[in-house]
């Protein structure tokens, strides 16, 4: 129960109300590091609450390469935006980076619980709004910006590119494509390269 109260969604709940929720169909599941937690196309039938560990969400990007969508760190909800969707299939794969613990809470039981607990309903809507804004920014980065612009934004956010392979993964590009763009930008004087990697001029 204390695991669930660490997350914003249930932070204001009494022990009695959470006990009532946990009496509904739910389960606590362990995922060892490296285990697939969700597959693209899986239906989202339960509220998934990551209470321990770290995971990552990926999807296919340009050139058939996997794109790192988000790094997930407990405590947080997994794929909450799809829980009550008509087409509630998950578009990403989620893999455990470390040993993880996830609570699976029955969707209908959670819906009834929100009706009884307005603070939980409000918190859930806030979480959905925050995730929607994050994903909107993420999608805009990939859909609108060229790889060159994404490199500039990456450097502004992180200061430098030390590992081309790691940066390519986050930018949704292949390593050869990113290496080519970086070389062009160095030649044009847009960025600089030194012994530590690539950085802003």
N, C-alpha and C. Protein backbone atom coordinates (compact mmCIF):
# COMPACT_ATOMS: atom_id res chain seq x y z
N UNK A 1 0.82 -1.20 0.00
CA UNK A 1 0.00 0.00 0.00
C UNK A 1 0.86 1.26 0.00
N UNK A 2 1.93 1.25 0.80
CA UNK A 2 2.83 2.40 0.85
C UNK A 2 3.48 2.63 -0.51
N UNK A 3 3.67 1.55 -1.28
CA UNK A 3 4.23 1.69 -2.63
C UNK A 3 3.33 2.59 -3.48
N UNK A 4 2.04 2.36 -3.40
CA UNK A 4 1.11 3.13 -4.21
C UNK A 4 0.99 4.57 -3.74
N UNK A 5 1.13 4.80 -2.45
CA UNK A 5 0.97 6.15 -1.92
C UNK A 5 2.15 7.05 -2.29
N UNK A 6 3.23 6.46 -2.82
CA UNK A 6 4.36 7.28 -3.25
C UNK A 6 4.08 7.98 -4.58
N UNK A 7 3.08 7.50 -5.30
CA UNK A 7 2.77 8.10 -6.59
C UNK A 7 1.74 9.21 -6.42
N UNK A 8 1.85 10.23 -7.23
CA UNK A 8 0.98 11.41 -7.13
C UNK A 8 -0.49 11.03 -7.15
N UNK A 9 -0.84 10.04 -7.95
CA UNK A 9 -2.24 9.66 -8.13
C UNK A 9 -2.91 9.26 -6.82
N UNK A 10 -2.19 8.55 -5.97
CA UNK A 10 -2.78 8.03 -4.74
C UNK A 10 -2.25 8.70 -3.47
N UNK A 11 -1.49 9.77 -3.64
CA UNK A 11 -0.82 10.39 -2.49
C UNK A 11 -1.80 10.86 -1.42
N UNK A 12 -2.98 11.32 -1.83
CA UNK A 12 -3.94 11.86 -0.86
C UNK A 12 -4.95 10.86 -0.36
N UNK A 13 -4.79 9.59 -0.71
CA UNK A 13 -5.78 8.57 -0.33
C UNK A 13 -5.52 8.05 1.09
N UNK A 14 -6.59 7.72 1.76
CA UNK A 14 -6.47 7.09 3.08
C UNK A 14 -6.12 5.62 2.90
N UNK A 15 -5.60 5.02 3.96
CA UNK A 15 -5.30 3.59 3.91
C UNK A 15 -6.56 2.77 3.65
N UNK A 16 -7.67 3.23 4.22
CA UNK A 16 -8.92 2.49 4.06
C UNK A 16 -9.39 2.48 2.60
N UNK A 17 -9.27 3.63 1.93
CA UNK A 17 -9.73 3.69 0.54
C UNK A 17 -8.83 2.86 -0.36
N UNK A 18 -7.52 2.87 -0.10
CA UNK A 18 -6.62 2.06 -0.92
C UNK A 18 -6.84 0.57 -0.67
N UNK A 19 -7.13 0.22 0.56
CA UNK A 19 -7.43 -1.18 0.86
C UNK A 19 -8.66 -1.63 0.07
N UNK A 20 -9.63 -0.74 -0.04
CA UNK A 20 -10.84 -1.06 -0.80
C UNK A 20 -10.51 -1.27 -2.27
N UNK A 21 -9.63 -0.43 -2.81
CA UNK A 21 -9.23 -0.58 -4.21
C UNK A 21 -8.48 -1.89 -4.43
N UNK A 22 -7.61 -2.23 -3.50
CA UNK A 22 -6.79 -3.44 -3.67
C UNK A 22 -7.58 -4.72 -3.45
N UNK A 23 -8.79 -4.59 -2.95
CA UNK A 23 -9.66 -5.77 -2.85
C UNK A 23 -10.26 -6.14 -4.20
N UNK A 24 -10.17 -5.21 -5.16
CA UNK A 24 -10.66 -5.48 -6.51
C UNK A 24 -9.63 -6.34 -7.24
N UNK A 25 -9.98 -6.86 -8.44
CA UNK A 25 -9.00 -7.66 -9.19
C UNK A 25 -7.74 -6.84 -9.50
N UNK A 26 -6.65 -7.20 -8.90
CA UNK A 26 -5.38 -6.53 -9.16
C UNK A 26 -4.25 -7.49 -8.79
N UNK A 27 -3.07 -7.19 -9.28
CA UNK A 27 -1.93 -8.04 -8.97
C UNK A 27 -0.65 -7.21 -8.97
N UNK A 28 0.30 -7.67 -8.22
CA UNK A 28 1.62 -7.05 -8.13
C UNK A 28 2.59 -7.97 -8.85
N UNK A 29 3.26 -7.45 -9.88
CA UNK A 29 4.09 -8.31 -10.72
C UNK A 29 5.53 -7.81 -10.78
N UNK A 30 6.46 -8.75 -10.67
CA UNK A 30 7.88 -8.44 -10.79
C UNK A 30 8.33 -8.65 -12.23
N UNK A 31 9.15 -7.73 -12.73
CA UNK A 31 9.76 -7.85 -14.05
C UNK A 31 11.27 -7.74 -13.89
N UNK A 32 12.02 -8.80 -14.15
CA UNK A 32 13.48 -8.70 -14.04
C UNK A 32 14.05 -7.80 -15.13
N UNK A 33 15.22 -7.26 -14.89
CA UNK A 33 15.87 -6.40 -15.88
C UNK A 33 15.97 -7.13 -17.22
N UNK A 34 15.62 -6.41 -18.29
CA UNK A 34 15.66 -6.98 -19.63
C UNK A 34 14.36 -7.58 -20.10
N UNK A 35 13.39 -7.73 -19.21
CA UNK A 35 12.10 -8.34 -19.57
C UNK A 35 11.22 -7.33 -20.31
N UNK A 36 10.53 -7.81 -21.33
CA UNK A 36 9.55 -6.99 -22.04
C UNK A 36 8.30 -6.85 -21.16
N UNK A 37 7.88 -5.61 -20.93
CA UNK A 37 6.72 -5.35 -20.08
C UNK A 37 5.46 -5.09 -20.90
N UNK A 38 5.63 -4.47 -22.05
CA UNK A 38 4.52 -4.22 -22.97
C UNK A 38 5.03 -4.37 -24.40
N UNK A 39 4.19 -4.91 -25.27
CA UNK A 39 4.50 -5.02 -26.68
C UNK A 39 3.62 -4.06 -27.48
N UNK A 40 4.11 -3.55 -28.61
CA UNK A 40 3.24 -2.74 -29.47
C UNK A 40 2.01 -3.56 -29.88
N UNK A 41 0.84 -2.98 -29.73
CA UNK A 41 -0.38 -3.69 -30.07
C UNK A 41 -1.06 -4.36 -28.89
N UNK A 42 -0.39 -4.40 -27.73
CA UNK A 42 -1.03 -4.97 -26.54
C UNK A 42 -2.21 -4.10 -26.12
N UNK A 43 -3.34 -4.70 -25.77
CA UNK A 43 -4.46 -3.90 -25.24
C UNK A 43 -4.16 -3.46 -23.81
N UNK A 44 -4.54 -2.24 -23.49
CA UNK A 44 -4.33 -1.70 -22.15
C UNK A 44 -5.61 -1.95 -21.34
N UNK A 45 -5.63 -3.03 -20.57
CA UNK A 45 -6.84 -3.43 -19.86
C UNK A 45 -6.78 -3.11 -18.37
N UNK A 46 -5.62 -2.67 -17.90
CA UNK A 46 -5.47 -2.39 -16.47
C UNK A 46 -4.59 -1.16 -16.28
N UNK A 47 -4.81 -0.47 -15.18
CA UNK A 47 -3.93 0.63 -14.81
C UNK A 47 -2.62 0.02 -14.34
N UNK A 48 -1.52 0.39 -15.00
CA UNK A 48 -0.21 -0.15 -14.65
C UNK A 48 0.57 0.92 -13.88
N UNK A 49 0.94 0.59 -12.66
CA UNK A 49 1.65 1.52 -11.79
C UNK A 49 3.05 0.98 -11.52
N UNK A 50 4.04 1.66 -12.06
CA UNK A 50 5.44 1.29 -11.83
C UNK A 50 5.85 1.83 -10.46
N UNK A 51 6.09 0.94 -9.51
CA UNK A 51 6.40 1.38 -8.14
C UNK A 51 7.88 1.17 -7.80
N UNK A 52 8.58 0.36 -8.57
CA UNK A 52 10.01 0.17 -8.37
C UNK A 52 10.69 -0.03 -9.72
N UNK A 53 11.89 0.56 -9.86
CA UNK A 53 12.70 0.29 -11.03
C UNK A 53 12.60 1.34 -12.12
N UNK A 54 13.31 1.06 -13.21
CA UNK A 54 13.35 1.94 -14.37
C UNK A 54 13.12 1.13 -15.64
N UNK A 55 12.45 1.76 -16.59
CA UNK A 55 12.15 1.10 -17.87
C UNK A 55 12.30 2.12 -18.98
N UNK A 56 12.14 1.68 -20.22
CA UNK A 56 12.18 2.59 -21.35
C UNK A 56 11.12 2.21 -22.36
N UNK A 57 10.57 3.23 -23.01
CA UNK A 57 9.56 3.03 -24.05
C UNK A 57 10.19 3.33 -25.40
N UNK A 58 9.97 2.44 -26.37
CA UNK A 58 10.54 2.60 -27.70
C UNK A 58 9.47 2.36 -28.76
N UNK A 59 9.68 2.97 -29.94
CA UNK A 59 8.82 2.69 -31.08
C UNK A 59 9.66 2.82 -32.35
N UNK A 60 9.13 2.34 -33.46
CA UNK A 60 9.88 2.39 -34.71
C UNK A 60 9.91 3.81 -35.24
N UNK A 61 11.10 4.27 -35.62
CA UNK A 61 11.27 5.61 -36.17
C UNK A 61 11.61 5.56 -37.64
N UNK A 62 12.16 6.65 -38.12
CA UNK A 62 12.52 6.72 -39.53
C UNK A 62 13.62 5.71 -39.84
N UNK A 63 13.65 5.27 -41.08
CA UNK A 63 14.63 4.30 -41.56
C UNK A 63 14.52 2.97 -40.83
N UNK A 64 13.34 2.70 -40.25
CA UNK A 64 13.14 1.43 -39.57
C UNK A 64 13.92 1.26 -38.29
N UNK A 65 14.39 2.36 -37.74
CA UNK A 65 15.18 2.28 -36.52
C UNK A 65 14.31 2.56 -35.30
N UNK A 66 14.60 1.84 -34.21
CA UNK A 66 13.86 2.07 -32.98
C UNK A 66 14.20 3.44 -32.40
N UNK A 67 13.18 4.13 -31.93
CA UNK A 67 13.35 5.44 -31.32
C UNK A 67 13.06 5.33 -29.83
N UNK A 68 13.94 5.89 -29.03
CA UNK A 68 13.70 5.95 -27.59
C UNK A 68 12.69 7.06 -27.33
N UNK A 69 11.48 6.68 -26.91
CA UNK A 69 10.42 7.66 -26.68
C UNK A 69 10.54 8.29 -25.31
N UNK A 70 10.81 7.46 -24.30
CA UNK A 70 10.87 8.01 -22.94
C UNK A 70 11.61 7.06 -22.02
N UNK A 71 12.26 7.65 -21.04
CA UNK A 71 12.88 6.88 -19.96
C UNK A 71 11.90 6.94 -18.78
N UNK A 72 11.52 5.79 -18.28
CA UNK A 72 10.47 5.69 -17.26
C UNK A 72 11.09 5.32 -15.92
N UNK A 73 10.81 6.11 -14.91
CA UNK A 73 11.39 5.88 -13.59
C UNK A 73 10.30 5.90 -12.53
N UNK A 74 10.28 4.88 -11.69
CA UNK A 74 9.28 4.79 -10.62
C UNK A 74 9.45 5.95 -9.64
N UNK A 75 8.32 6.39 -9.05
CA UNK A 75 6.95 5.90 -9.24
C UNK A 75 6.24 6.67 -10.35
N UNK A 76 5.55 5.95 -11.23
CA UNK A 76 4.79 6.59 -12.29
C UNK A 76 3.83 5.58 -12.92
N UNK A 77 2.88 6.12 -13.71
CA UNK A 77 1.94 5.27 -14.43
C UNK A 77 2.53 4.91 -15.79
N UNK A 78 2.19 3.72 -16.28
CA UNK A 78 2.62 3.28 -17.60
C UNK A 78 1.44 3.32 -18.56
N UNK A 79 1.59 4.04 -19.65
CA UNK A 79 0.58 4.13 -20.71
C UNK A 79 -0.81 4.51 -20.20
N UNK A 80 -0.94 5.51 -19.32
CA UNK A 80 -2.27 5.83 -18.78
C UNK A 80 -3.23 6.39 -19.82
N UNK A 81 -2.70 7.02 -20.88
CA UNK A 81 -3.57 7.65 -21.87
C UNK A 81 -4.39 6.65 -22.67
N UNK A 82 -4.00 5.37 -22.65
CA UNK A 82 -4.69 4.36 -23.44
C UNK A 82 -5.70 3.55 -22.62
N UNK A 83 -5.74 3.80 -21.33
CA UNK A 83 -6.55 2.96 -20.45
C UNK A 83 -8.03 2.99 -20.81
N UNK A 84 -8.57 4.17 -21.13
CA UNK A 84 -10.00 4.29 -21.40
C UNK A 84 -10.29 4.64 -22.86
N UNK A 85 -9.31 4.46 -23.73
CA UNK A 85 -9.51 4.75 -25.15
C UNK A 85 -10.35 3.66 -25.80
N UNK A 86 -11.11 4.03 -26.84
CA UNK A 86 -11.87 3.03 -27.58
C UNK A 86 -10.92 2.03 -28.24
N UNK A 87 -9.87 2.55 -28.85
CA UNK A 87 -8.82 1.70 -29.41
C UNK A 87 -7.65 1.75 -28.44
N UNK A 88 -7.69 0.88 -27.45
CA UNK A 88 -6.76 1.00 -26.33
C UNK A 88 -5.51 0.15 -26.47
N UNK A 89 -5.00 0.04 -27.70
CA UNK A 89 -3.76 -0.71 -27.90
C UNK A 89 -2.56 0.21 -27.70
N UNK A 90 -1.52 -0.33 -27.13
CA UNK A 90 -0.31 0.43 -26.82
C UNK A 90 0.58 0.49 -28.07
N UNK A 91 1.05 1.69 -28.48
CA UNK A 91 1.84 1.80 -29.71
C UNK A 91 3.34 1.59 -29.51
N UNK A 92 3.77 1.43 -28.27
CA UNK A 92 5.20 1.33 -27.99
C UNK A 92 5.51 0.00 -27.30
N UNK A 93 6.79 -0.33 -27.27
CA UNK A 93 7.23 -1.44 -26.44
C UNK A 93 7.90 -0.86 -25.20
N UNK A 94 7.68 -1.50 -24.08
CA UNK A 94 8.27 -1.05 -22.82
C UNK A 94 9.11 -2.19 -22.26
N UNK A 95 10.38 -1.90 -22.00
CA UNK A 95 11.31 -2.90 -21.49
C UNK A 95 11.88 -2.46 -20.15
N UNK A 96 12.06 -3.42 -19.25
CA UNK A 96 12.63 -3.13 -17.94
C UNK A 96 14.14 -2.94 -18.07
N UNK A 97 14.63 -1.80 -17.62
CA UNK A 97 16.07 -1.56 -17.60
C UNK A 97 16.70 -2.13 -16.34
N UNK A 98 15.95 -2.06 -15.24
CA UNK A 98 16.37 -2.65 -13.98
C UNK A 98 15.24 -3.56 -13.51
N UNK A 99 15.43 -4.25 -12.41
CA UNK A 99 14.33 -5.03 -11.85
C UNK A 99 13.19 -4.07 -11.51
N UNK A 100 11.99 -4.40 -11.98
CA UNK A 100 10.84 -3.52 -11.80
C UNK A 100 9.70 -4.24 -11.08
N UNK A 101 8.88 -3.44 -10.42
CA UNK A 101 7.65 -3.94 -9.80
C UNK A 101 6.50 -3.09 -10.30
N UNK A 102 5.45 -3.75 -10.79
CA UNK A 102 4.30 -3.05 -11.36
C UNK A 102 3.01 -3.59 -10.74
N UNK A 103 2.16 -2.67 -10.30
CA UNK A 103 0.80 -3.04 -9.89
C UNK A 103 -0.11 -2.95 -11.11
N UNK A 104 -0.91 -4.00 -11.34
CA UNK A 104 -1.93 -4.00 -12.38
C UNK A 104 -3.28 -3.91 -11.69
N UNK A 105 -3.98 -2.79 -11.90
CA UNK A 105 -5.26 -2.55 -11.22
C UNK A 105 -6.38 -2.57 -12.25
N UNK A 106 -7.39 -3.36 -11.99
CA UNK A 106 -8.52 -3.53 -12.90
C UNK A 106 -9.09 -2.18 -13.34
N UNK A 107 -9.30 -2.03 -14.64
CA UNK A 107 -9.75 -0.76 -15.21
C UNK A 107 -11.10 -0.33 -14.65
N UNK A 108 -12.07 -1.22 -14.61
CA UNK A 108 -13.40 -0.85 -14.14
C UNK A 108 -13.39 -0.52 -12.65
N UNK A 109 -12.59 -1.26 -11.89
CA UNK A 109 -12.49 -0.97 -10.46
C UNK A 109 -11.85 0.40 -10.24
N UNK A 110 -10.87 0.73 -11.07
CA UNK A 110 -10.22 2.05 -10.95
C UNK A 110 -11.19 3.16 -11.34
N UNK A 111 -12.02 2.91 -12.36
CA UNK A 111 -13.01 3.91 -12.77
C UNK A 111 -13.99 4.19 -11.63
N UNK A 112 -14.48 3.14 -10.99
CA UNK A 112 -15.39 3.32 -9.86
C UNK A 112 -14.70 4.03 -8.70
N UNK A 113 -13.43 3.70 -8.51
CA UNK A 113 -12.66 4.33 -7.43
C UNK A 113 -12.53 5.83 -7.65
N UNK A 114 -12.29 6.24 -8.89
CA UNK A 114 -12.18 7.67 -9.19
C UNK A 114 -13.49 8.40 -8.94
N UNK A 115 -14.61 7.73 -9.20
CA UNK A 115 -15.91 8.35 -8.94
C UNK A 115 -16.12 8.58 -7.45
N UNK A 116 -15.55 7.71 -6.64
CA UNK A 116 -15.69 7.83 -5.19
C UNK A 116 -14.63 8.76 -4.59
N UNK A 117 -13.53 8.96 -5.32
CA UNK A 117 -12.41 9.76 -4.80
C UNK A 117 -12.10 10.89 -5.80
N UNK A 118 -12.76 12.04 -5.69
CA UNK A 118 -12.55 13.14 -6.65
C UNK A 118 -11.10 13.60 -6.74
N UNK A 119 -10.34 13.52 -5.65
CA UNK A 119 -8.94 13.95 -5.71
C UNK A 119 -8.13 13.03 -6.62
N UNK A 120 -8.49 11.76 -6.65
CA UNK A 120 -7.80 10.81 -7.54
C UNK A 120 -8.17 11.10 -8.99
N UNK A 121 -9.44 11.40 -9.24
CA UNK A 121 -9.88 11.74 -10.59
C UNK A 121 -9.13 12.96 -11.10
N UNK A 122 -9.02 13.99 -10.26
CA UNK A 122 -8.32 15.20 -10.67
C UNK A 122 -6.84 14.92 -10.93
N UNK A 123 -6.23 14.14 -10.05
CA UNK A 123 -4.81 13.81 -10.23
C UNK A 123 -4.59 13.02 -11.50
N UNK A 124 -5.52 12.11 -11.82
CA UNK A 124 -5.39 11.31 -13.04
C UNK A 124 -5.49 12.20 -14.27
N UNK A 125 -6.41 13.15 -14.26
CA UNK A 125 -6.55 14.07 -15.40
C UNK A 125 -5.30 14.94 -15.54
N UNK A 126 -4.72 15.35 -14.44
CA UNK A 126 -3.50 16.15 -14.49
C UNK A 126 -2.35 15.34 -15.08
N UNK A 127 -2.26 14.07 -14.69
CA UNK A 127 -1.21 13.20 -15.22
C UNK A 127 -1.38 13.02 -16.73
N UNK A 128 -2.62 12.81 -17.17
CA UNK A 128 -2.88 12.66 -18.61
C UNK A 128 -2.50 13.93 -19.36
N UNK A 129 -2.81 15.08 -18.79
CA UNK A 129 -2.49 16.35 -19.44
C UNK A 129 -0.99 16.54 -19.55
N UNK A 130 -0.27 16.23 -18.48
CA UNK A 130 1.18 16.38 -18.49
C UNK A 130 1.82 15.44 -19.50
N UNK A 131 1.33 14.19 -19.56
CA UNK A 131 1.88 13.24 -20.53
C UNK A 131 1.56 13.67 -21.95
N UNK A 132 0.35 14.19 -22.15
CA UNK A 132 -0.03 14.65 -23.48
C UNK A 132 0.85 15.79 -23.96
N UNK A 133 1.17 16.70 -23.06
CA UNK A 133 2.03 17.82 -23.43
C UNK A 133 3.45 17.34 -23.74
N UNK A 134 3.94 16.40 -22.94
CA UNK A 134 5.28 15.85 -23.18
C UNK A 134 5.34 15.15 -24.54
N UNK A 135 4.34 14.31 -24.83
CA UNK A 135 4.35 13.57 -26.09
C UNK A 135 4.15 14.49 -27.28
N UNK A 136 3.39 15.57 -27.08
CA UNK A 136 3.19 16.54 -28.16
C UNK A 136 4.52 17.18 -28.53
N UNK A 137 5.30 17.57 -27.52
CA UNK A 137 6.62 18.16 -27.79
C UNK A 137 7.53 17.14 -28.47
N UNK A 138 7.45 15.90 -28.01
CA UNK A 138 8.30 14.84 -28.56
C UNK A 138 7.96 14.60 -30.03
N UNK A 139 6.67 14.49 -30.33
CA UNK A 139 6.25 14.24 -31.70
C UNK A 139 6.59 15.41 -32.61
N UNK A 140 6.46 16.62 -32.10
CA UNK A 140 6.80 17.79 -32.91
C UNK A 140 8.29 17.77 -33.27
N UNK A 141 9.10 17.34 -32.32
CA UNK A 141 10.54 17.27 -32.57
C UNK A 141 10.84 16.36 -33.75
N UNK A 142 10.17 15.20 -33.80
CA UNK A 142 10.46 14.24 -34.86
C UNK A 142 9.74 14.56 -36.16
N UNK A 143 8.52 15.10 -36.05
CA UNK A 143 7.73 15.32 -37.26
C UNK A 143 8.10 16.60 -38.00
N UNK A 144 8.48 17.63 -37.26
CA UNK A 144 8.70 18.95 -37.86
C UNK A 144 10.18 19.23 -38.08
N UNK A 145 10.99 18.92 -37.10
CA UNK A 145 12.39 19.30 -37.16
C UNK A 145 13.21 18.34 -38.02
N UNK A 146 14.13 18.90 -38.77
CA UNK A 146 15.09 18.07 -39.49
C UNK A 146 16.10 17.51 -38.50
N UNK A 147 16.90 16.56 -38.95
CA UNK A 147 17.91 15.98 -38.07
C UNK A 147 18.90 17.04 -37.62
N UNK A 148 19.22 17.98 -38.49
CA UNK A 148 20.14 19.07 -38.11
C UNK A 148 19.55 19.89 -36.96
N UNK A 149 18.28 20.23 -37.06
CA UNK A 149 17.64 21.00 -36.00
C UNK A 149 17.56 20.20 -34.70
N UNK A 150 17.33 18.89 -34.84
CA UNK A 150 17.27 18.05 -33.65
C UNK A 150 18.64 17.98 -32.98
N UNK A 151 19.69 17.99 -33.78
CA UNK A 151 21.05 18.01 -33.22
C UNK A 151 21.27 19.29 -32.42
N UNK A 152 20.85 20.41 -32.99
CA UNK A 152 21.03 21.69 -32.30
C UNK A 152 20.24 21.70 -30.99
N UNK A 153 19.00 21.23 -31.02
CA UNK A 153 18.19 21.18 -29.80
C UNK A 153 18.82 20.24 -28.78
N UNK A 154 19.37 19.13 -29.25
CA UNK A 154 20.02 18.17 -28.35
C UNK A 154 21.23 18.83 -27.68
N UNK A 155 22.03 19.56 -28.45
CA UNK A 155 23.20 20.22 -27.89
C UNK A 155 22.80 21.32 -26.90
N UNK A 156 21.73 22.03 -27.20
CA UNK A 156 21.26 23.06 -26.28
C UNK A 156 20.80 22.46 -24.96
N UNK A 157 20.22 21.27 -25.04
CA UNK A 157 19.70 20.62 -23.83
C UNK A 157 20.78 19.87 -23.05
N UNK A 158 21.75 19.29 -23.78
CA UNK A 158 22.72 18.40 -23.13
C UNK A 158 24.15 18.92 -23.13
N UNK A 159 24.42 19.96 -23.92
CA UNK A 159 25.75 20.55 -23.92
C UNK A 159 26.70 19.97 -24.94
N UNK A 160 26.68 18.66 -25.13
CA UNK A 160 27.61 18.04 -26.08
C UNK A 160 27.09 16.67 -26.49
N UNK A 161 27.68 16.15 -27.55
CA UNK A 161 27.44 14.77 -27.98
C UNK A 161 28.75 14.02 -27.80
N UNK A 162 28.78 13.14 -26.82
CA UNK A 162 29.98 12.36 -26.55
C UNK A 162 29.90 11.02 -27.27
N UNK A 163 28.75 10.38 -27.20
CA UNK A 163 28.54 9.10 -27.87
C UNK A 163 27.57 9.30 -29.03
N UNK A 164 28.06 9.11 -30.25
CA UNK A 164 27.21 9.26 -31.43
C UNK A 164 26.11 8.20 -31.42
N UNK A 165 26.45 6.99 -30.99
CA UNK A 165 25.46 5.91 -30.96
C UNK A 165 24.32 6.23 -30.00
N UNK A 166 24.65 6.73 -28.81
CA UNK A 166 23.62 7.05 -27.82
C UNK A 166 22.77 8.22 -28.29
N UNK A 167 23.41 9.23 -28.89
CA UNK A 167 22.65 10.39 -29.39
C UNK A 167 21.74 9.99 -30.54
N UNK A 168 22.23 9.12 -31.43
CA UNK A 168 21.41 8.67 -32.56
C UNK A 168 20.16 7.97 -32.06
N UNK A 169 20.30 7.19 -31.01
CA UNK A 169 19.15 6.48 -30.45
C UNK A 169 18.11 7.46 -29.94
N UNK A 170 18.54 8.50 -29.25
CA UNK A 170 17.60 9.47 -28.70
C UNK A 170 17.01 10.37 -29.79
N UNK A 171 17.76 10.58 -30.86
CA UNK A 171 17.29 11.46 -31.92
C UNK A 171 16.49 10.72 -32.99
N UNK A 172 16.38 9.41 -32.85
CA UNK A 172 15.60 8.64 -33.81
C UNK A 172 16.23 8.55 -35.17
N UNK A 173 17.56 8.45 -35.20
CA UNK A 173 18.29 8.37 -36.47
C UNK A 173 19.27 7.21 -36.41
N UNK A 174 19.74 6.79 -37.58
CA UNK A 174 20.78 5.77 -37.60
C UNK A 174 22.12 6.44 -37.28
N UNK A 175 23.05 5.64 -36.81
CA UNK A 175 24.37 6.20 -36.49
C UNK A 175 25.06 6.78 -37.72
N UNK A 176 25.03 6.10 -38.89
CA UNK A 176 25.65 6.70 -40.08
C UNK A 176 25.02 8.03 -40.48
N UNK A 177 23.68 8.12 -40.38
CA UNK A 177 23.00 9.38 -40.74
C UNK A 177 23.44 10.50 -39.82
N UNK A 178 23.49 10.23 -38.53
CA UNK A 178 23.89 11.26 -37.58
C UNK A 178 25.35 11.64 -37.78
N UNK A 179 26.21 10.66 -38.01
CA UNK A 179 27.63 10.95 -38.24
C UNK A 179 27.81 11.85 -39.46
N UNK A 180 27.04 11.59 -40.51
CA UNK A 180 27.13 12.40 -41.72
C UNK A 180 26.70 13.84 -41.45
N UNK A 181 25.59 14.00 -40.73
CA UNK A 181 25.09 15.35 -40.42
C UNK A 181 26.07 16.08 -39.51
N UNK A 182 26.63 15.40 -38.54
CA UNK A 182 27.61 16.03 -37.64
C UNK A 182 28.84 16.50 -38.41
N UNK A 183 29.31 15.67 -39.34
CA UNK A 183 30.48 16.05 -40.15
C UNK A 183 30.18 17.28 -40.99
N UNK A 184 28.97 17.32 -41.57
CA UNK A 184 28.58 18.48 -42.38
C UNK A 184 28.52 19.74 -41.52
N UNK A 185 27.97 19.61 -40.33
CA UNK A 185 27.83 20.78 -39.46
C UNK A 185 29.18 21.27 -38.96
N UNK A 186 30.12 20.35 -38.75
CA UNK A 186 31.48 20.75 -38.37
C UNK A 186 32.15 21.49 -39.53
N UNK A 187 32.01 20.95 -40.74
CA UNK A 187 32.61 21.57 -41.93
C UNK A 187 32.05 22.97 -42.17
N UNK A 188 30.77 23.15 -41.86
CA UNK A 188 30.13 24.44 -42.08
C UNK A 188 30.37 25.41 -40.93
N UNK A 189 31.02 24.93 -39.87
CA UNK A 189 31.30 25.80 -38.73
C UNK A 189 30.13 26.00 -37.79
N UNK A 190 29.10 25.18 -37.94
CA UNK A 190 27.92 25.31 -37.08
C UNK A 190 28.21 24.77 -35.68
N UNK A 191 28.95 23.66 -35.63
CA UNK A 191 29.35 23.07 -34.35
C UNK A 191 30.84 22.78 -34.40
N UNK A 192 31.40 22.39 -33.27
CA UNK A 192 32.83 22.07 -33.21
C UNK A 192 33.01 20.64 -32.71
N UNK A 193 34.15 20.08 -33.06
CA UNK A 193 34.49 18.74 -32.59
C UNK A 193 35.84 18.81 -31.91
N UNK A 194 35.92 18.20 -30.71
CA UNK A 194 37.20 18.12 -30.02
C UNK A 194 37.38 16.70 -29.49
N UNK A 195 38.34 16.52 -28.63
CA UNK A 195 38.62 15.18 -28.12
C UNK A 195 37.50 14.58 -27.30
N UNK A 196 36.58 15.42 -26.82
CA UNK A 196 35.49 14.94 -25.98
C UNK A 196 34.20 14.68 -26.76
N UNK A 197 34.16 15.14 -28.00
CA UNK A 197 32.95 14.93 -28.79
C UNK A 197 32.57 16.17 -29.56
N UNK A 198 31.27 16.36 -29.76
CA UNK A 198 30.74 17.49 -30.52
C UNK A 198 30.06 18.47 -29.58
N UNK A 199 30.22 19.77 -29.89
CA UNK A 199 29.59 20.78 -29.05
C UNK A 199 29.23 22.02 -29.85
N UNK A 200 28.53 22.93 -29.19
CA UNK A 200 28.15 24.18 -29.84
C UNK A 200 29.39 25.07 -30.01
N UNK A 201 29.36 25.86 -31.08
CA UNK A 201 30.46 26.79 -31.31
C UNK A 201 30.33 27.98 -30.36
